[in-house]
Protein backbone atom coordinates (compact mmCIF):
# COMPACT_ATOMS: atom_id res chain seq x y z
CA LYS A 1 -0.05 -0.03 -0.08
CA GLU A 2 1.28 3.56 -1.07
CA PHE A 3 0.72 6.61 0.56
CA LYS A 4 2.34 10.00 0.15
CA TYR A 5 3.80 11.75 3.20
CA ILE A 6 3.48 15.45 3.90
CA GLU A 7 5.27 17.36 0.94
CA ASN A 8 7.52 19.84 2.67
CA ARG A 9 8.18 23.20 1.09
CA ARG A 10 10.94 25.60 2.60
CA SER A 11 12.14 28.86 1.39
CA ILE A 12 15.69 29.51 1.19
CA LYS A 13 17.75 32.89 1.35
CA LEU A 14 21.07 32.60 -0.11
CA ILE A 15 22.93 34.56 2.52
CA ASP A 16 21.89 31.47 5.07
CA THR A 17 23.88 29.26 2.77
CA ALA A 18 27.02 31.48 2.07
CA ASP A 19 30.57 30.47 2.95
CA LYS A 20 31.08 33.01 5.54
CA ASN A 21 34.79 33.34 4.59
CA THR A 22 33.83 34.42 0.94
CA LEU A 23 31.33 37.28 2.20
CA VAL A 24 32.24 40.94 1.34
CA ASP A 25 31.71 43.07 4.46
CA GLY A 26 29.00 40.30 5.49
CA LYS A 27 27.31 40.19 2.21
CA ILE A 28 27.13 38.16 -1.01
CA ALA A 29 28.69 39.81 -4.11
CA PRO A 30 31.01 38.45 -6.78
CA GLY A 31 33.51 36.06 -5.62
CA THR A 32 31.23 34.68 -2.89
CA THR A 33 30.33 30.98 -2.80
CA GLY A 34 28.39 28.55 -0.74
CA ARG A 35 26.36 25.22 -0.32
CA ILE A 36 22.81 24.16 -0.08
CA GLU A 37 22.56 21.11 2.15
CA VAL A 38 19.33 18.96 2.15
CA TYR A 39 19.31 16.26 4.67
CA LEU A 40 16.40 13.67 5.19
CA ASP A 41 15.81 11.26 8.01
CA SER A 42 13.67 8.60 8.34
CA THR A 43 14.74 7.33 11.72
CA GLY A 44 11.75 5.63 13.40
CA SER A 45 10.13 4.68 10.02
CA GLU A 46 8.99 0.92 9.60
CA VAL A 47 8.53 1.25 5.76
CA ASN A 48 10.71 1.90 2.89
CA ILE A 49 10.82 5.52 1.73
CA ASP A 50 11.17 6.96 -1.92
CA TYR A 51 11.85 10.71 -1.99
CA GLN A 52 12.26 13.48 -4.27
CA VAL A 53 13.69 16.69 -3.78
CA GLU A 54 13.09 19.79 -6.15
CA PHE A 55 13.92 23.19 -6.35
CA THR A 56 11.15 25.65 -7.31
CA ASN A 57 9.97 29.29 -7.09
CA GLU A 58 13.41 30.75 -8.02
CA LYS A 59 13.24 34.96 -7.50
CA ASN A 60 15.78 37.49 -8.24
CA LYS A 61 18.61 35.50 -8.94
CA PRO A 62 21.81 37.26 -9.87
CA GLN A 63 22.53 36.78 -13.58
CA ASN A 64 26.12 35.45 -13.13
CA LEU A 65 25.40 33.07 -10.12
CA TYR A 66 25.84 29.34 -10.82
CA PHE A 67 24.85 26.21 -9.24
CA THR A 68 26.70 22.60 -9.26
CA SER A 69 25.08 19.38 -8.69
CA MET A 70 26.84 15.91 -9.34
CA THR A 71 29.42 17.69 -11.26
CA HIS A 72 26.97 19.55 -13.62
CA ASN A 73 26.58 23.30 -13.80
CA TYR A 74 23.42 25.12 -14.04
CA ALA A 75 22.61 28.70 -14.60
CA SER A 76 19.46 28.45 -12.25
CA ILE A 77 18.62 26.34 -9.29
CA THR A 78 15.26 25.25 -11.10
CA GLU A 79 17.46 23.78 -13.62
CA VAL A 80 18.95 21.22 -11.14
CA PRO A 81 17.20 17.87 -12.07
CA PRO A 82 14.99 16.49 -9.20
CA ILE A 83 17.16 14.34 -6.88
CA THR A 84 15.59 11.09 -6.03
CA GLY A 85 16.59 8.00 -3.92
CA LYS A 86 15.31 5.52 -1.60
CA ILE A 87 15.90 4.62 2.28
CA LEU A 88 14.97 1.22 3.20
CA HIS A 89 13.46 0.81 6.67
CA ASN A 90 16.23 -1.94 7.68
CA GLN A 91 19.15 0.13 6.75
CA GLU A 92 21.42 0.99 9.62
CA ASN A 93 21.69 4.93 8.45
CA LYS A 94 18.41 6.25 7.84
CA LYS A 95 19.80 9.73 7.09
CA VAL A 96 20.80 10.93 3.57
CA GLY A 97 22.28 14.10 2.43
CA HIS A 98 22.63 16.00 -0.89
CA VAL A 99 24.66 19.02 -1.47
CA ILE A 100 24.22 21.73 -4.15
CA PHE A 101 27.31 24.35 -4.34
CA TRP A 102 26.73 27.63 -5.69
CA THR A 103 29.03 30.26 -6.90
CA TRP A 104 29.29 33.92 -7.87
CA PRO A 105 32.33 34.36 -10.09
CA TYR A 106 34.13 37.51 -9.95
CA GLU A 107 34.68 39.45 -13.27
CA THR A 108 33.18 37.19 -15.66
CA GLY A 109 33.67 37.24 -19.52
CA THR A 110 36.41 36.21 -22.11
CA ASN A 111 37.47 40.01 -23.08
CA THR A 112 37.59 43.60 -21.49
CA SER A 113 34.21 44.42 -22.97
CA GLU A 114 32.46 41.33 -21.46
CA ILE A 115 34.05 41.85 -18.23
CA ALA A 116 33.03 45.55 -17.96
CA LYS A 117 29.54 44.52 -19.08
CA ASN A 118 29.30 41.71 -16.62
CA ASP A 119 30.54 43.98 -13.77
CA LYS A 120 27.62 46.47 -14.35
CA ILE A 121 25.27 43.70 -14.16
CA ASP A 122 26.86 42.27 -11.15
CA THR A 123 26.92 45.44 -9.26
CA GLN A 124 23.16 46.11 -9.90
CA ASN A 125 22.50 42.34 -8.98
CA ALA A 126 24.44 42.71 -5.72
CA LYS A 127 22.02 45.50 -4.50
CA ASP A 128 19.21 43.13 -4.93
CA ILE A 129 20.90 39.68 -3.73
CA SER A 130 19.08 39.85 -0.63
CA GLU A 131 15.72 39.30 -2.23
CA PHE A 132 16.95 36.26 -4.04
CA THR A 133 14.86 33.07 -2.58
CA PHE A 134 13.82 29.73 -3.89
CA ASP A 135 11.92 26.94 -2.49
CA ILE A 136 13.00 23.24 -1.61
CA VAL A 137 10.20 20.84 -1.96
CA VAL A 138 10.72 17.39 -0.46
CA THR A 139 8.21 14.60 -1.24
CA ALA A 140 8.28 11.06 0.34
CA THR A 141 6.42 8.34 -0.31
CA GLN A 142 6.18 4.60 1.20
CA SER A 143 7.41 2.12 -1.11
CA GLU A 144 7.91 -1.72 -1.49
């Protein structure tokens, strides 16, 4: 018998995921990096769990901010394919984790003109970075 657990949605602010050593005056700016950590825990469950993690509802992303998952790069967190897996009821460790890395490169472009153009975009985006958010949606289903 299959049933769907509660779908859990959480809104994320990028500053909460930043590598504090890369912040500029405590703020996200070009040259900043971070990691989005998603942990699932089925401790106490007596059934196998199939899970899916999706990233949705991206708002106000800086143009030159990129995400890396499983060695693939993405221009948007919503481009990261859903992360799926299974936690078996009889496995010893019922906790799983997945990490998505992000980076906002400093001075992007292949020539002086592109770098200057992207620096202007980055400067404007840096003013609005505190408004960049997205949702993490986790769905878990009992499985065989």
